[in-house]
Protein backbone atom coordinates (compact mmCIF):
# COMPACT_ATOMS: atom_id res chain seq x y z
CA MET A 1 -29.15 9.10 -91.69
CA GLU A 2 -30.16 6.92 -94.57
CA GLY A 3 -28.36 3.67 -95.19
CA ARG A 4 -27.37 3.24 -91.56
CA ARG A 5 -28.98 0.73 -89.28
CA LYS A 6 -29.11 1.20 -85.58
CA MET A 7 -28.55 -1.64 -83.14
CA ASP A 8 -31.90 -2.24 -81.48
CA ASN A 9 -30.93 -5.14 -79.24
CA THR A 10 -28.00 -5.87 -77.01
CA MET A 11 -26.56 -9.33 -77.53
CA ILE A 12 -24.16 -10.89 -75.08
CA ARG A 13 -23.07 -14.49 -75.33
CA LEU A 14 -20.48 -15.64 -72.81
CA TRP A 15 -19.61 -19.33 -73.11
CA ILE A 16 -17.95 -20.67 -69.99
CA HIS A 17 -16.09 -23.94 -69.46
CA ILE A 18 -15.92 -24.62 -65.76
CA PHE A 19 -14.56 -27.61 -63.91
CA PHE A 20 -14.31 -28.48 -60.24
CA SER A 21 -13.57 -31.51 -58.11
CA THR A 22 -14.81 -33.29 -55.08
CA LYS A 23 -12.97 -32.45 -51.87
CA ASP A 24 -9.44 -33.89 -52.03
CA CYS A 25 -10.40 -35.38 -55.43
CA MET A 26 -12.04 -38.29 -53.68
CA PRO A 27 -13.95 -40.67 -56.01
CA LEU A 28 -17.38 -39.80 -54.60
CA ILE A 29 -19.53 -39.29 -57.70
CA LYS A 30 -20.91 -42.79 -58.10
CA GLU A 31 -22.52 -44.00 -61.32
CA SER A 32 -25.76 -44.46 -59.42
CA ILE A 33 -26.11 -40.70 -58.82
CA GLU A 34 -24.07 -39.21 -61.66
CA LYS A 35 -26.92 -38.56 -64.12
CA GLN A 36 -29.19 -37.21 -61.37
CA LEU A 37 -26.39 -34.90 -60.19
CA TYR A 38 -25.80 -33.54 -63.70
CA PHE A 39 -29.54 -33.07 -64.21
CA LYS A 40 -29.81 -31.19 -60.90
CA ILE A 41 -26.94 -28.89 -61.91
CA LYS A 42 -28.44 -28.32 -65.38
CA ILE A 43 -31.87 -27.43 -63.98
CA LYS A 44 -30.29 -25.05 -61.45
CA ILE A 45 -28.27 -23.21 -64.09
CA THR A 46 -31.14 -23.16 -66.59
CA GLU A 47 -34.01 -22.16 -64.32
CA GLU A 48 -32.46 -20.08 -61.56
CA TYR A 49 -29.72 -18.41 -63.58
CA GLN A 50 -31.47 -18.34 -66.97
CA SER A 51 -28.38 -19.70 -68.70
CA HIS A 52 -28.16 -22.35 -71.43
CA VAL A 53 -26.24 -25.52 -70.55
CA LYS A 54 -24.62 -27.18 -73.56
CA ASN A 55 -22.89 -30.06 -71.75
CA ILE A 56 -22.17 -31.51 -68.31
CA ASN A 57 -19.94 -34.52 -67.80
CA GLY A 58 -17.13 -35.74 -65.62
CA THR A 59 -15.80 -38.65 -63.67
CA GLU A 60 -16.00 -39.99 -60.13
CA ASN A 61 -14.02 -37.03 -58.78
CA HIS A 62 -14.82 -33.98 -60.91
CA VAL A 63 -17.36 -32.25 -63.16
CA HIS A 64 -17.04 -30.15 -66.31
CA ILE A 65 -19.81 -27.78 -67.42
CA LEU A 66 -20.09 -25.83 -70.67
CA PHE A 67 -22.76 -23.15 -70.53
CA SER A 68 -23.71 -19.74 -71.81
CA LEU A 69 -23.57 -17.42 -68.79
CA ASN A 70 -26.36 -14.92 -68.39
CA PRO A 71 -24.45 -11.69 -67.62
CA SER A 72 -27.06 -10.69 -65.03
CA PHE A 73 -25.55 -13.26 -62.65
CA ARG A 74 -22.12 -13.61 -61.06
CA LEU A 75 -20.24 -16.83 -61.70
CA THR A 76 -19.07 -16.93 -58.07
CA ASP A 77 -22.68 -16.90 -56.88
CA ILE A 78 -23.69 -19.61 -59.32
CA MET A 79 -20.84 -21.87 -58.25
CA LYS A 80 -21.39 -21.30 -54.54
CA ASN A 81 -25.06 -22.13 -54.95
CA ILE A 82 -24.53 -25.22 -57.13
CA LYS A 83 -21.88 -26.67 -54.86
CA GLY A 84 -23.87 -25.96 -51.71
CA GLU A 85 -27.15 -27.32 -52.97
CA THR A 86 -25.72 -30.45 -54.58
CA SER A 87 -23.63 -31.28 -51.51
CA HIS A 88 -26.71 -30.87 -49.33
CA TRP A 89 -28.81 -32.99 -51.72
CA ILE A 90 -26.27 -35.84 -51.80
CA ASN A 91 -25.81 -35.82 -48.01
CA GLN A 92 -29.52 -35.39 -47.21
CA ASN A 93 -30.41 -38.38 -49.39
CA LYS A 94 -27.55 -40.46 -47.92
CA PHE A 95 -26.33 -41.54 -51.33
CA LEU A 96 -22.88 -42.17 -49.81
CA ASP A 97 -21.57 -43.66 -46.60
CA ALA A 98 -19.15 -40.74 -46.26
CA LYS A 99 -19.92 -37.02 -46.16
CA PHE A 100 -19.88 -35.44 -49.62
CA SER A 101 -18.34 -32.06 -50.32
CA TRP A 102 -16.74 -30.17 -53.17
CA GLN A 103 -13.28 -28.63 -53.29
CA LYS A 104 -13.59 -24.90 -52.62
CA SER A 105 -11.79 -23.91 -55.79
CA TYR A 106 -12.83 -24.22 -59.42
CA ASN A 107 -11.45 -23.28 -62.82
CA ALA A 108 -13.50 -21.24 -65.30
CA TYR A 109 -12.53 -20.10 -68.78
CA SER A 110 -14.31 -18.27 -71.55
CA VAL A 111 -14.77 -20.22 -74.76
CA SER A 112 -14.94 -18.61 -78.19
CA GLU A 113 -17.69 -19.64 -80.60
CA SER A 114 -15.02 -21.11 -82.90
CA LYS A 115 -13.83 -23.50 -80.14
CA LEU A 116 -17.24 -24.38 -78.75
CA GLU A 117 -17.63 -27.78 -80.42
CA GLU A 118 -14.04 -28.75 -79.60
CA VAL A 119 -14.65 -28.03 -75.91
CA ASN A 120 -18.02 -29.78 -76.08
CA ARG A 121 -16.37 -32.96 -77.45
CA TYR A 122 -13.65 -32.72 -74.81
CA ILE A 123 -16.28 -32.64 -72.06
CA SER A 124 -18.22 -35.50 -73.65
CA ASN A 125 -15.06 -37.65 -73.68
CA GLN A 126 -14.13 -37.19 -70.02
CA LYS A 127 -14.30 -40.85 -69.04
CA LYS A 128 -12.12 -41.89 -71.97
CA ILE A 129 -9.62 -39.10 -71.28
CA HIS A 130 -9.34 -40.16 -67.65
CA GLU A 131 -8.48 -43.72 -68.51
CA LYS A 132 -5.06 -42.23 -69.33
CA ILE A 133 -4.56 -39.20 -67.09
CA SER A 134 -5.64 -38.07 -63.64
CA PHE A 135 -7.75 -34.99 -62.91
CA TYR A 136 -4.67 -33.35 -61.40
CA ASP A 137 -2.65 -33.99 -64.58
CA GLU A 138 -5.54 -32.79 -66.73
CA ARG A 139 -5.73 -29.57 -64.73
CA GLU A 140 -1.96 -29.01 -64.96
CA LEU A 141 -1.97 -29.58 -68.74
CA PHE A 142 -4.88 -27.19 -69.08
CA LEU A 143 -3.10 -24.51 -67.04
CA LYS A 144 0.10 -24.93 -69.07
CA LYS A 145 -1.89 -24.58 -72.28
CA ILE A 146 -3.51 -21.39 -71.00
CA GLU A 147 -0.16 -20.04 -69.79
CA HIS A 148 1.45 -20.81 -73.14
CA TYR A 149 -1.42 -19.06 -74.93
CA ASN A 150 -1.14 -16.02 -72.66
CA ASN A 151 2.65 -15.83 -73.04
CA SER A 152 2.55 -16.16 -76.84
CA ASP A 153 -0.03 -13.38 -77.06
CA LYS A 154 2.12 -10.72 -75.38
CA THR A 155 3.34 -7.75 -77.33
CA VAL A 156 6.34 -5.58 -76.58
């Protein structure tokens, strides 16, 4: 058929915004290890899960990650692995007096290309944002925003 082009390559781009906290939202991510922790997470996602990390940032009690998920891997496996390995790394190196662990839960949302830079800026501004609101309040506002979006999108 002349004039028609066939699709030779499959292209999948799944941007994910994920955030998770330390156990009981304890302020355990000290400035002294923060950059190393983010680097460790980035290398893990990039090398083991062949996914592109656009941004990682957070505060003393939680982390946000924006990355393009390789569809060959399950998000649940990635998160289990990242949390397990980083907890082990922090505890093995005795960076803290107390035992470090992550909350079991996490929040993950897809991000459209049109909202990518907005989410990227949001993640970059975490410390400034949390001068005004707590992680718990941030999470609640985020969930309300998602719920409002989902409710306004319903058709009868």
